[in-house]
Amino acid sequence: MISISNIKKNVLSALEDIKAFDIVSIDIRKQASIADYIIIASANSSKQAKALADNIKDRMQKIDIPLIGIEGESGSEWVLVDLGDIIIHIMTPTSRVHFNLEELWVSDT
């Protein structure tokens, strides 16, 4: 069985392959039970966001990790990829600033 750390490493690599930027990985294990990590990445366009999601999907298939789902693929400025233990948000910079997910998950405590 592949470790969560190895899955995360593969996700980050898949994002870097298609030139995602401002990639942030947030450990949410102490804050929520929905996942262990949330990864947020920026894409220059909705087309690039879809390509990033597709690359993650392809990478997970290669290492036999089931994909729970992808939301917002078609022309969206925000694509969510759900791997269960890891949830990936791929957003255009405008959407990322507007929704400011990092502020929701990162705390000083």
PDB file of N, CA and C in Angstrom:
ATOM      1  N   MET A   1       0.841  -1.188   0.000  1.00  0.00           N
ATOM      2  CA  MET A   1       0.000   0.000   0.000  1.00  0.00           C
ATOM      3  C   MET A   1       0.885   1.249   0.000  1.00  0.00           C
ATOM      4  N   ILE A   2       0.503   2.196  -0.801  1.00  0.00           N
ATOM      5  CA  ILE A   2       1.279   3.424  -0.949  1.00  0.00           C
ATOM      6  C   ILE A   2       0.953   4.395   0.196  1.00  0.00           C
ATOM      7  N   SER A   3       1.968   5.048   0.712  1.00  0.00           N
ATOM      8  CA  SER A   3       1.780   5.950   1.854  1.00  0.00           C
ATOM      9  C   SER A   3       1.161   7.281   1.401  1.00  0.00           C
ATOM     10  N   ILE A   4       0.526   7.962   2.335  1.00  0.00           N
ATOM     11  CA  ILE A   4      -0.054   9.280   2.067  1.00  0.00           C
ATOM     12  C   ILE A   4       1.047  10.250   1.631  1.00  0.00           C
ATOM     13  N   SER A   5       2.215  10.112   2.204  1.00  0.00           N
ATOM     14  CA  SER A   5       3.350  10.963   1.851  1.00  0.00           C
ATOM     15  C   SER A   5       3.746  10.765   0.384  1.00  0.00           C
ATOM     16  N   ASN A   6       3.742   9.533  -0.057  1.00  0.00           N
ATOM     17  CA  ASN A   6       4.082   9.223  -1.443  1.00  0.00           C
ATOM     18  C   ASN A   6       2.996   9.721  -2.398  1.00  0.00           C
ATOM     19  N   ILE A   7       1.743   9.604  -2.001  1.00  0.00           N
ATOM     20  CA  ILE A   7       0.637  10.119  -2.823  1.00  0.00           C
ATOM     21  C   ILE A   7       0.787  11.627  -2.965  1.00  0.00           C
ATOM     22  N   LYS A   8       1.037  12.296  -1.852  1.00  0.00           N
ATOM     23  CA  LYS A   8       1.202  13.751  -1.867  1.00  0.00           C
ATOM     24  C   LYS A   8       2.369  14.149  -2.768  1.00  0.00           C
ATOM     25  N   LYS A   9       3.457  13.422  -2.679  1.00  0.00           N
ATOM     26  CA  LYS A   9       4.626  13.693  -3.513  1.00  0.00           C
ATOM     27  C   LYS A   9       4.269  13.571  -5.002  1.00  0.00           C
ATOM     28  N   ASN A  10       3.488  12.566  -5.346  1.00  0.00           N
ATOM     29  CA  ASN A  10       3.062  12.372  -6.729  1.00  0.00           C
ATOM     30  C   ASN A  10       2.119  13.484  -7.196  1.00  0.00           C
ATOM     31  N   VAL A  11       1.231  13.930  -6.313  1.00  0.00           N
ATOM     32  CA  VAL A  11       0.325  15.028  -6.652  1.00  0.00           C
ATOM     33  C   VAL A  11       1.138  16.295  -6.923  1.00  0.00           C
ATOM     34  N   LEU A  12       2.065  16.612  -6.040  1.00  0.00           N
ATOM     35  CA  LEU A  12       2.886  17.816  -6.207  1.00  0.00           C
ATOM     36  C   LEU A  12       3.698  17.749  -7.499  1.00  0.00           C
ATOM     37  N   SER A  13       4.212  16.588  -7.807  1.00  0.00           N
ATOM     38  CA  SER A  13       4.972  16.404  -9.038  1.00  0.00           C
ATOM     39  C   SER A  13       4.076  16.582 -10.271  1.00  0.00           C
ATOM     40  N   ALA A  14       2.858  16.051 -10.207  1.00  0.00           N
ATOM     41  CA  ALA A  14       1.912  16.200 -11.318  1.00  0.00           C
ATOM     42  C   ALA A  14       1.554  17.666 -11.537  1.00  0.00           C
ATOM     43  N   LEU A  15       1.439  18.419 -10.457  1.00  0.00           N
ATOM     44  CA  LEU A  15       1.149  19.849 -10.573  1.00  0.00           C
ATOM     45  C   LEU A  15       2.331  20.594 -11.180  1.00  0.00           C
ATOM     46  N   GLU A  16       3.526  20.265 -10.729  1.00  0.00           N
ATOM     47  CA  GLU A  16       4.725  20.929 -11.235  1.00  0.00           C
ATOM     48  C   GLU A  16       4.967  20.610 -12.708  1.00  0.00           C
ATOM     49  N   ASP A  17       4.615  19.392 -13.142  1.00  0.00           N
ATOM     50  CA  ASP A  17       4.789  18.977 -14.540  1.00  0.00           C
ATOM     51  C   ASP A  17       4.061  19.896 -15.515  1.00  0.00           C
ATOM     52  N   ILE A  18       2.910  20.396 -15.113  1.00  0.00           N
ATOM     53  CA  ILE A  18       2.075  21.224 -15.998  1.00  0.00           C
ATOM     54  C   ILE A  18       2.169  22.695 -15.574  1.00  0.00           C
ATOM     55  N   LYS A  19       3.197  23.031 -14.836  1.00  0.00           N
ATOM     56  CA  LYS A  19       3.529  24.418 -14.479  1.00  0.00           C
ATOM     57  C   LYS A  19       2.502  25.126 -13.602  1.00  0.00           C
ATOM     58  N   ALA A  20       1.924  24.395 -12.643  1.00  0.00           N
ATOM     59  CA  ALA A  20       1.124  25.063 -11.611  1.00  0.00           C
ATOM     60  C   ALA A  20       2.076  25.950 -10.820  1.00  0.00           C
ATOM     61  N   PHE A  21       1.550  26.987 -10.192  1.00  0.00           N
ATOM     62  CA  PHE A  21       2.415  27.861  -9.397  1.00  0.00           C
ATOM     63  C   PHE A  21       1.741  28.201  -8.082  1.00  0.00           C
ATOM     64  N   ASP A  22       2.504  28.783  -7.173  1.00  0.00           N
ATOM     65  CA  ASP A  22       2.027  29.091  -5.814  1.00  0.00           C
ATOM     66  C   ASP A  22       1.369  27.869  -5.164  1.00  0.00           C
ATOM     67  N   ILE A  23       2.056  26.755  -5.211  1.00  0.00           N
ATOM     68  CA  ILE A  23       1.530  25.501  -4.667  1.00  0.00           C
ATOM     69  C   ILE A  23       1.730  25.493  -3.152  1.00  0.00           C
ATOM     70  N   VAL A  24       0.644  25.220  -2.430  1.00  0.00           N
ATOM     71  CA  VAL A  24       0.678  25.183  -0.970  1.00  0.00           C
ATOM     72  C   VAL A  24       0.051  23.870  -0.512  1.00  0.00           C
ATOM     73  N   SER A  25       0.730  23.185   0.386  1.00  0.00           N
ATOM     74  CA  SER A  25       0.196  21.972   0.998  1.00  0.00           C
ATOM     75  C   SER A  25      -0.087  22.276   2.462  1.00  0.00           C
ATOM     76  N   ILE A  26      -1.326  22.012   2.897  1.00  0.00           N
ATOM     77  CA  ILE A  26      -1.737  22.323   4.262  1.00  0.00           C
ATOM     78  C   ILE A  26      -2.172  21.038   4.968  1.00  0.00           C
ATOM     79  N   ASP A  27      -1.538  20.753   6.083  1.00  0.00           N
ATOM     80  CA  ASP A  27      -1.896  19.603   6.915  1.00  0.00           C
ATOM     81  C   ASP A  27      -3.119  19.995   7.753  1.00  0.00           C
ATOM     82  N   ILE A  28      -4.245  19.336   7.503  1.00  0.00           N
ATOM     83  CA  ILE A  28      -5.482  19.691   8.220  1.00  0.00           C
ATOM     84  C   ILE A  28      -5.928  18.586   9.176  1.00  0.00           C
ATOM     85  N   ARG A  29      -5.061  17.647   9.474  1.00  0.00           N
ATOM     86  CA  ARG A  29      -5.447  16.513  10.326  1.00  0.00           C
ATOM     87  C   ARG A  29      -5.949  16.938  11.694  1.00  0.00           C
ATOM     88  N   LYS A  30      -5.415  18.023  12.262  1.00  0.00           N
ATOM     89  CA  LYS A  30      -5.857  18.476  13.586  1.00  0.00           C
ATOM     90  C   LYS A  30      -7.110  19.333  13.516  1.00  0.00           C
ATOM     91  N   GLN A  31      -7.471  19.800  12.308  1.00  0.00           N
ATOM     92  CA  GLN A  31      -8.593  20.718  12.165  1.00  0.00           C
ATOM     93  C   GLN A  31      -9.865  20.075  11.623  1.00  0.00           C
ATOM     94  N   ALA A  32      -9.726  18.996  10.865  1.00  0.00           N
ATOM     95  CA  ALA A  32     -10.901  18.411  10.214  1.00  0.00           C
ATOM     96  C   ALA A  32     -10.688  16.926   9.970  1.00  0.00           C
ATOM     97  N   SER A  33     -11.782  16.226   9.803  1.00  0.00           N
ATOM     98  CA  SER A  33     -11.699  14.793   9.524  1.00  0.00           C
ATOM     99  C   SER A  33     -11.989  14.485   8.055  1.00  0.00           C
ATOM    100  N   ILE A  34     -12.208  15.512   7.229  1.00  0.00           N
ATOM    101  CA  ILE A  34     -12.548  15.277   5.821  1.00  0.00           C
ATOM    102  C   ILE A  34     -11.360  14.797   4.996  1.00  0.00           C
ATOM    103  N   ALA A  35     -10.152  15.143   5.412  1.00  0.00           N
ATOM    104  CA  ALA A  35      -8.943  14.776   4.682  1.00  0.00           C
ATOM    105  C   ALA A  35      -7.741  15.003   5.589  1.00  0.00           C
ATOM    106  N   ASP A  36      -6.593  14.537   5.141  1.00  0.00           N
ATOM    107  CA  ASP A  36      -5.351  14.790   5.862  1.00  0.00           C
ATOM    108  C   ASP A  36      -4.665  16.060   5.359  1.00  0.00           C
ATOM    109  N   TYR A  37      -4.744  16.259   4.040  1.00  0.00           N
ATOM    110  CA  TYR A  37      -4.075  17.414   3.436  1.00  0.00           C
ATOM    111  C   TYR A  37      -4.983  18.097   2.428  1.00  0.00           C
ATOM    112  N   ILE A  38      -4.812  19.394   2.329  1.00  0.00           N
ATOM    113  CA  ILE A  38      -5.403  20.178   1.256  1.00  0.00           C
ATOM    114  C   ILE A  38      -4.235  20.790   0.515  1.00  0.00           C
ATOM    115  N   ILE A  39      -4.270  20.641  -0.800  1.00  0.00           N
ATOM    116  CA  ILE A  39      -3.245  21.250  -1.640  1.00  0.00           C
ATOM    117  C   ILE A  39      -3.946  22.289  -2.507  1.00  0.00           C
ATOM    118  N   ILE A  40      -3.389  23.480  -2.522  1.00  0.00           N
ATOM    119  CA  ILE A  40      -3.945  24.567  -3.326  1.00  0.00           C
ATOM    120  C   ILE A  40      -2.869  24.981  -4.324  1.00  0.00           C
ATOM    121  N   ALA A  41      -3.279  25.100  -5.594  1.00  0.00           N
ATOM    122  CA  ALA A  41      -2.337  25.490  -6.646  1.00  0.00           C
ATOM    123  C   ALA A  41      -3.012  26.466  -7.593  1.00  0.00           C
ATOM    124  N   SER A  42      -2.218  27.315  -8.185  1.00  0.00           N
ATOM    125  CA  SER A  42      -2.742  28.276  -9.154  1.00  0.00           C
ATOM    126  C   SER A  42      -2.440  27.823 -10.576  1.00  0.00           C
ATOM    127  N   ALA A  43      -3.376  28.174 -11.469  1.00  0.00           N
ATOM    128  CA  ALA A  43      -3.248  27.912 -12.903  1.00  0.00           C
ATOM    129  C   ALA A  43      -3.515  29.222 -13.635  1.00  0.00           C
ATOM    130  N   ASN A  44      -2.880  29.395 -14.772  1.00  0.00           N
ATOM    131  CA  ASN A  44      -3.048  30.635 -15.530  1.00  0.00           C
ATOM    132  C   ASN A  44      -4.405  30.766 -16.206  1.00  0.00           C
ATOM    133  N   SER A  45      -5.101  29.654 -16.406  1.00  0.00           N
ATOM    134  CA  SER A  45      -6.375  29.684 -17.123  1.00  0.00           C
ATOM    135  C   SER A  45      -7.210  28.464 -16.731  1.00  0.00           C
ATOM    136  N   SER A  46      -8.479  28.494 -17.113  1.00  0.00           N
ATOM    137  CA  SER A  46      -9.337  27.335 -16.852  1.00  0.00           C
ATOM    138  C   SER A  46      -8.851  26.128 -17.657  1.00  0.00           C
ATOM    139  N   LYS A  47      -8.294  26.371 -18.831  1.00  0.00           N
ATOM    140  CA  LYS A  47      -7.749  25.279 -19.652  1.00  0.00           C
ATOM    141  C   LYS A  47      -6.562  24.612 -18.950  1.00  0.00           C
ATOM    142  N   GLN A  48      -5.682  25.425 -18.362  1.00  0.00           N
ATOM    143  CA  GLN A  48      -4.545  24.863 -17.629  1.00  0.00           C
ATOM    144  C   GLN A  48      -5.035  24.141 -16.369  1.00  0.00           C
ATOM    145  N   ALA A  49      -6.049  24.677 -15.701  1.00  0.00           N
ATOM    146  CA  ALA A  49      -6.590  24.031 -14.501  1.00  0.00           C
ATOM    147  C   ALA A  49      -7.093  22.631 -14.844  1.00  0.00           C
ATOM    148  N   LYS A  50      -7.790  22.503 -15.967  1.00  0.00           N
ATOM    149  CA  LYS A  50      -8.277  21.189 -16.404  1.00  0.00           C
ATOM    150  C   LYS A  50      -7.112  20.260 -16.716  1.00  0.00           C
ATOM    151  N   ALA A  51      -6.087  20.780 -17.399  1.00  0.00           N
ATOM    152  CA  ALA A  51      -4.910  19.968 -17.723  1.00  0.00           C
ATOM    153  C   ALA A  51      -4.211  19.485 -16.451  1.00  0.00           C
ATOM    154  N   LEU A  52      -4.139  20.336 -15.452  1.00  0.00           N
ATOM    155  CA  LEU A  52      -3.533  19.948 -14.168  1.00  0.00           C
ATOM    156  C   LEU A  52      -4.340  18.831 -13.507  1.00  0.00           C
ATOM    157  N   ALA A  53      -5.667  18.980 -13.485  1.00  0.00           N
ATOM    158  CA  ALA A  53      -6.529  17.945 -12.896  1.00  0.00           C
ATOM    159  C   ALA A  53      -6.377  16.627 -13.652  1.00  0.00           C
ATOM    160  N   ASP A  54      -6.328  16.702 -14.986  1.00  0.00           N
ATOM    161  CA  ASP A  54      -6.152  15.490 -15.798  1.00  0.00           C
ATOM    162  C   ASP A  54      -4.813  14.828 -15.520  1.00  0.00           C
ATOM    163  N   ASN A  55      -3.768  15.640 -15.319  1.00  0.00           N
ATOM    164  CA  ASN A  55      -2.450  15.078 -15.038  1.00  0.00           C
ATOM    165  C   ASN A  55      -2.422  14.384 -13.674  1.00  0.00           C
ATOM    166  N   ILE A  56      -3.100  14.972 -12.694  1.00  0.00           N
ATOM    167  CA  ILE A  56      -3.204  14.314 -11.380  1.00  0.00           C
ATOM    168  C   ILE A  56      -3.950  12.990 -11.535  1.00  0.00           C
ATOM    169  N   LYS A  57      -5.059  13.021 -12.257  1.00  0.00           N
ATOM    170  CA  LYS A  57      -5.850  11.806 -12.485  1.00  0.00           C
ATOM    171  C   LYS A  57      -4.993  10.716 -13.138  1.00  0.00           C
ATOM    172  N   ASP A  58      -4.241  11.071 -14.178  1.00  0.00           N
ATOM    173  CA  ASP A  58      -3.379  10.110 -14.864  1.00  0.00           C
ATOM    174  C   ASP A  58      -2.300   9.562 -13.929  1.00  0.00           C
ATOM    175  N   ARG A  59      -1.694  10.443 -13.142  1.00  0.00           N
ATOM    176  CA  ARG A  59      -0.635  10.024 -12.222  1.00  0.00           C
ATOM    177  C   ARG A  59      -1.188   9.061 -11.171  1.00  0.00           C
ATOM    178  N   MET A  60      -2.380   9.328 -10.663  1.00  0.00           N
ATOM    179  CA  MET A  60      -2.984   8.461  -9.650  1.00  0.00           C
ATOM    180  C   MET A  60      -3.325   7.096 -10.237  1.00  0.00           C
ATOM    181  N   GLN A  61      -3.770   7.065 -11.488  1.00  0.00           N
ATOM    182  CA  GLN A  61      -4.051   5.780 -12.140  1.00  0.00           C
ATOM    183  C   GLN A  61      -2.784   4.942 -12.245  1.00  0.00           C
ATOM    184  N   LYS A  62      -1.651   5.592 -12.541  1.00  0.00           N
ATOM    185  CA  LYS A  62      -0.375   4.877 -12.672  1.00  0.00           C
ATOM    186  C   LYS A  62       0.070   4.244 -11.360  1.00  0.00           C
ATOM    187  N   ILE A  63      -0.300   4.859 -10.237  1.00  0.00           N
ATOM    188  CA  ILE A  63       0.121   4.297  -8.944  1.00  0.00           C
ATOM    189  C   ILE A  63      -1.046   3.627  -8.201  1.00  0.00           C
ATOM    190  N   ASP A  64      -2.133   3.357  -8.946  1.00  0.00           N
ATOM    191  CA  ASP A  64      -3.305   2.633  -8.419  1.00  0.00           C
ATOM    192  C   ASP A  64      -3.974   3.306  -7.226  1.00  0.00           C
ATOM    193  N   ILE A  65      -4.103   4.618  -7.294  1.00  0.00           N
ATOM    194  CA  ILE A  65      -4.823   5.362  -6.255  1.00  0.00           C
ATOM    195  C   ILE A  65      -6.172   5.771  -6.837  1.00  0.00           C
ATOM    196  N   PRO A  66      -7.260   5.340  -6.217  1.00  0.00           N
ATOM    197  CA  PRO A  66      -8.576   5.677  -6.763  1.00  0.00           C
ATOM    198  C   PRO A  66      -8.906   7.159  -6.605  1.00  0.00           C
ATOM    199  N   LEU A  67      -9.502   7.694  -7.625  1.00  0.00           N
ATOM    200  CA  LEU A  67      -9.941   9.083  -7.627  1.00  0.00           C
ATOM    201  C   LEU A  67     -11.405   9.095  -7.203  1.00  0.00           C
ATOM    202  N   ILE A  68     -11.731   9.875  -6.185  1.00  0.00           N
ATOM    203  CA  ILE A  68     -13.118   9.956  -5.736  1.00  0.00           C
ATOM    204  C   ILE A  68     -13.934  10.815  -6.691  1.00  0.00           C
ATOM    205  N   GLY A  69     -13.332  11.910  -7.146  1.00  0.00           N
ATOM    206  CA  GLY A  69     -14.044  12.740  -8.097  1.00  0.00           C
ATOM    207  C   GLY A  69     -13.303  13.997  -8.475  1.00  0.00           C
ATOM    208  N   ILE A  70     -13.776  14.605  -9.566  1.00  0.00           N
ATOM    209  CA  ILE A  70     -13.269  15.894 -10.022  1.00  0.00           C
ATOM    210  C   ILE A  70     -14.489  16.777 -10.252  1.00  0.00           C
ATOM    211  N   GLU A  71     -14.433  17.981  -9.721  1.00  0.00           N
ATOM    212  CA  GLU A  71     -15.530  18.943  -9.892  1.00  0.00           C
ATOM    213  C   GLU A  71     -15.011  20.204 -10.559  1.00  0.00           C
ATOM    214  N   GLY A  72     -15.811  20.783 -11.433  1.00  0.00           N
ATOM    215  CA  GLY A  72     -15.489  22.075 -12.027  1.00  0.00           C
ATOM    216  C   GLY A  72     -14.563  22.018 -13.218  1.00  0.00           C
ATOM    217  N   GLU A  73     -14.473  20.879 -13.886  1.00  0.00           N
ATOM    218  CA  GLU A  73     -13.524  20.733 -14.984  1.00  0.00           C
ATOM    219  C   GLU A  73     -13.822  21.606 -16.194  1.00  0.00           C
ATOM    220  N   SER A  74     -15.033  21.762 -16.531  1.00  0.00           N
ATOM    221  CA  SER A  74     -15.402  22.338 -17.814  1.00  0.00           C
ATOM    222  C   SER A  74     -15.467  23.869 -17.762  1.00  0.00           C
ATOM    223  N   GLY A  75     -14.390  24.510 -18.180  1.00  0.00           N
ATOM    224  CA  GLY A  75     -14.349  25.963 -18.257  1.00  0.00           C
ATOM    225  C   GLY A  75     -14.373  26.684 -16.920  1.00  0.00           C
ATOM    226  N   SER A  76     -14.037  25.981 -15.861  1.00  0.00           N
ATOM    227  CA  SER A  76     -14.128  26.562 -14.532  1.00  0.00           C
ATOM    228  C   SER A  76     -12.818  27.203 -14.109  1.00  0.00           C
ATOM    229  N   GLU A  77     -12.915  28.230 -13.282  1.00  0.00           N
ATOM    230  CA  GLU A  77     -11.731  28.861 -12.716  1.00  0.00           C
ATOM    231  C   GLU A  77     -11.299  28.180 -11.420  1.00  0.00           C
ATOM    232  N   TRP A  78     -12.031  27.137 -11.025  1.00  0.00           N
ATOM    233  CA  TRP A  78     -11.719  26.399  -9.795  1.00  0.00           C
ATOM    234  C   TRP A  78     -12.050  24.940 -10.033  1.00  0.00           C
ATOM    235  N   VAL A  79     -11.033  24.096 -10.022  1.00  0.00           N
ATOM    236  CA  VAL A  79     -11.222  22.659 -10.196  1.00  0.00           C
ATOM    237  C   VAL A  79     -10.807  21.978  -8.902  1.00  0.00           C
ATOM    238  N   LEU A  80     -11.652  21.088  -8.417  1.00  0.00           N
ATOM    239  CA  LEU A  80     -11.376  20.348  -7.193  1.00  0.00           C
ATOM    240  C   LEU A  80     -11.144  18.887  -7.562  1.00  0.00           C
ATOM    241  N   VAL A  81     -10.048  18.323  -7.067  1.00  0.00           N
ATOM    242  CA  VAL A  81      -9.741  16.907  -7.264  1.00  0.00           C
ATOM    243  C   VAL A  81      -9.749  16.259  -5.893  1.00  0.00           C
ATOM    244  N   ASP A  82     -10.610  15.260  -5.720  1.00  0.00           N
ATOM    245  CA  ASP A  82     -10.773  14.593  -4.428  1.00  0.00           C
ATOM    246  C   ASP A  82     -10.144  13.211  -4.467  1.00  0.00           C
ATOM    247  N   LEU A  83      -9.116  13.034  -3.655  1.00  0.00           N
ATOM    248  CA  LEU A  83      -8.462  11.728  -3.520  1.00  0.00           C
ATOM    249  C   LEU A  83      -8.786  11.082  -2.169  1.00  0.00           C
ATOM    250  N   GLY A  84      -9.710  11.660  -1.440  1.00  0.00           N
ATOM    251  CA  GLY A  84     -10.048  11.147  -0.114  1.00  0.00           C
ATOM    252  C   GLY A  84      -9.167  11.777   0.945  1.00  0.00           C
ATOM    253  N   ASP A  85      -7.967  11.251   1.116  1.00  0.00           N
ATOM    254  CA  ASP A  85      -7.050  11.783   2.126  1.00  0.00           C
ATOM    255  C   ASP A  85      -6.418  13.114   1.715  1.00  0.00           C
ATOM    256  N   ILE A  86      -6.456  13.397   0.420  1.00  0.00           N
ATOM    257  CA  ILE A  86      -5.907  14.646  -0.100  1.00  0.00           C
ATOM    258  C   ILE A  86      -6.950  15.285  -1.016  1.00  0.00           C
ATOM    259  N   ILE A  87      -7.204  16.563  -0.773  1.00  0.00           N
ATOM    260  CA  ILE A  87      -8.117  17.319  -1.632  1.00  0.00           C
ATOM    261  C   ILE A  87      -7.301  18.421  -2.288  1.00  0.00           C
ATOM    262  N   ILE A  88      -7.375  18.487  -3.621  1.00  0.00           N
ATOM    263  CA  ILE A  88      -6.586  19.452  -4.368  1.00  0.00           C
ATOM    264  C   ILE A  88      -7.517  20.507  -4.963  1.00  0.00           C
ATOM    265  N   HIS A  89      -7.188  21.768  -4.720  1.00  0.00           N
ATOM    266  CA  HIS A  89      -7.918  22.900  -5.294  1.00  0.00           C
ATOM    267  C   HIS A  89      -6.992  23.558  -6.308  1.00  0.00           C
ATOM    268  N   ILE A  90      -7.424  23.602  -7.565  1.00  0.00           N
ATOM    269  CA  ILE A  90      -6.659  24.254  -8.618  1.00  0.00           C
ATOM    270  C   ILE A  90      -7.477  25.470  -9.044  1.00  0.00           C
ATOM    271  N   MET A  91      -6.889  26.651  -8.888  1.00  0.00           N
ATOM    272  CA  MET A  91      -7.654  27.886  -9.086  1.00  0.00           C
ATOM    273  C   MET A  91      -6.876  28.885  -9.923  1.00  0.00           C
ATOM    274  N   THR A  92      -7.617  29.723 -10.656  1.00  0.00           N
ATOM    275  CA  THR A  92      -6.969  30.861 -11.302  1.00  0.00           C
ATOM    276  C   THR A  92      -6.620  31.862 -10.198  1.00  0.00           C
ATOM    277  N   PRO A  93      -5.636  32.712 -10.419  1.00  0.00           N
ATOM    278  CA  PRO A  93      -5.249  33.667  -9.375  1.00  0.00           C
ATOM    279  C   PRO A  93      -6.412  34.528  -8.866  1.00  0.00           C
ATOM    280  N   THR A  94      -7.302  34.966  -9.759  1.00  0.00           N
ATOM    281  CA  THR A  94      -8.443  35.790  -9.351  1.00  0.00           C
ATOM    282  C   THR A  94      -9.345  35.044  -8.378  1.00  0.00           C
ATOM    283  N   SER A  95      -9.667  33.798  -8.706  1.00  0.00           N
ATOM    284  CA  SER A  95     -10.507  32.987  -7.816  1.00  0.00           C
ATOM    285  C   SER A  95      -9.799  32.695  -6.505  1.00  0.00           C
ATOM    286  N   ARG A  96      -8.519  32.451  -6.589  1.00  0.00           N
ATOM    287  CA  ARG A  96      -7.755  32.127  -5.377  1.00  0.00           C
ATOM    288  C   ARG A  96      -7.759  33.299  -4.403  1.00  0.00           C
ATOM    289  N   VAL A  97      -7.568  34.516  -4.920  1.00  0.00           N
ATOM    290  CA  VAL A  97      -7.597  35.698  -4.058  1.00  0.00           C
ATOM    291  C   VAL A  97      -8.999  35.896  -3.491  1.00  0.00           C
ATOM    292  N   HIS A  98     -10.003  35.715  -4.334  1.00  0.00           N
ATOM    293  CA  HIS A  98     -11.388  35.938  -3.903  1.00  0.00           C
ATOM    294  C   HIS A  98     -11.802  34.978  -2.774  1.00  0.00           C
ATOM    295  N   PHE A  99     -11.517  33.690  -2.953  1.00  0.00           N
ATOM    296  CA  PHE A  99     -11.966  32.701  -1.966  1.00  0.00           C
ATOM    297  C   PHE A  99     -10.998  32.531  -0.796  1.00  0.00           C
ATOM    298  N   ASN A 100      -9.725  32.833  -0.995  1.00  0.00           N
ATOM    299  CA  ASN A 100      -8.715  32.844   0.062  1.00  0.00           C
ATOM    300  C   ASN A 100      -8.783  31.612   0.974  1.00  0.00           C
ATOM    301  N   LEU A 101      -8.721  30.431   0.364  1.00  0.00           N
ATOM    302  CA  LEU A 101      -8.815  29.178   1.128  1.00  0.00           C
ATOM    303  C   LEU A 101      -7.711  29.018   2.167  1.00  0.00           C
ATOM    304  N   GLU A 102      -6.528  29.526   1.866  1.00  0.00           N
ATOM    305  CA  GLU A 102      -5.433  29.394   2.830  1.00  0.00           C
ATOM    306  C   GLU A 102      -5.822  29.977   4.182  1.00  0.00           C
ATOM    307  N   GLU A 103      -6.492  31.101   4.187  1.00  0.00           N
ATOM    308  CA  GLU A 103      -6.872  31.750   5.436  1.00  0.00           C
ATOM    309  C   GLU A 103      -7.852  30.870   6.234  1.00  0.00           C
ATOM    310  N   LEU A 104      -8.664  30.105   5.536  1.00  0.00           N
ATOM    311  CA  LEU A 104      -9.615  29.225   6.228  1.00  0.00           C
ATOM    312  C   LEU A 104      -8.910  28.085   6.978  1.00  0.00           C
ATOM    313  N   TRP A 105      -7.800  27.600   6.400  1.00  0.00           N
ATOM    314  CA  TRP A 105      -7.162  26.407   6.940  1.00  0.00           C
ATOM    315  C   TRP A 105      -5.915  26.663   7.754  1.00  0.00           C
ATOM    316  N   VAL A 106      -5.232  27.753   7.509  1.00  0.00           N
ATOM    317  CA  VAL A 106      -3.979  28.021   8.235  1.00  0.00           C
ATOM    318  C   VAL A 106      -4.288  28.860   9.459  1.00  0.00           C
ATOM    319  N   SER A 107      -3.897  28.335  10.602  1.00  0.00           N
ATOM    320  CA  SER A 107      -4.133  29.092  11.845  1.00  0.00           C
ATOM    321  C   SER A 107      -2.813  29.283  12.570  1.00  0.00           C
ATOM    322  N   ASP A 108      -2.801  30.253  13.437  1.00  0.00           N
ATOM    323  CA  ASP A 108      -1.581  30.539  14.214  1.00  0.00           C
ATOM    324  C   ASP A 108      -1.477  29.685  15.466  1.00  0.00           C
ATOM    325  N   THR A 109      -2.507  28.911  15.765  1.00  0.00           N
ATOM    326  CA  THR A 109      -2.498  28.112  16.996  1.00  0.00           C
ATOM    327  C   THR A 109      -1.995  26.724  16.770  1.00  0.00           C
TER     328      THR A 109
END
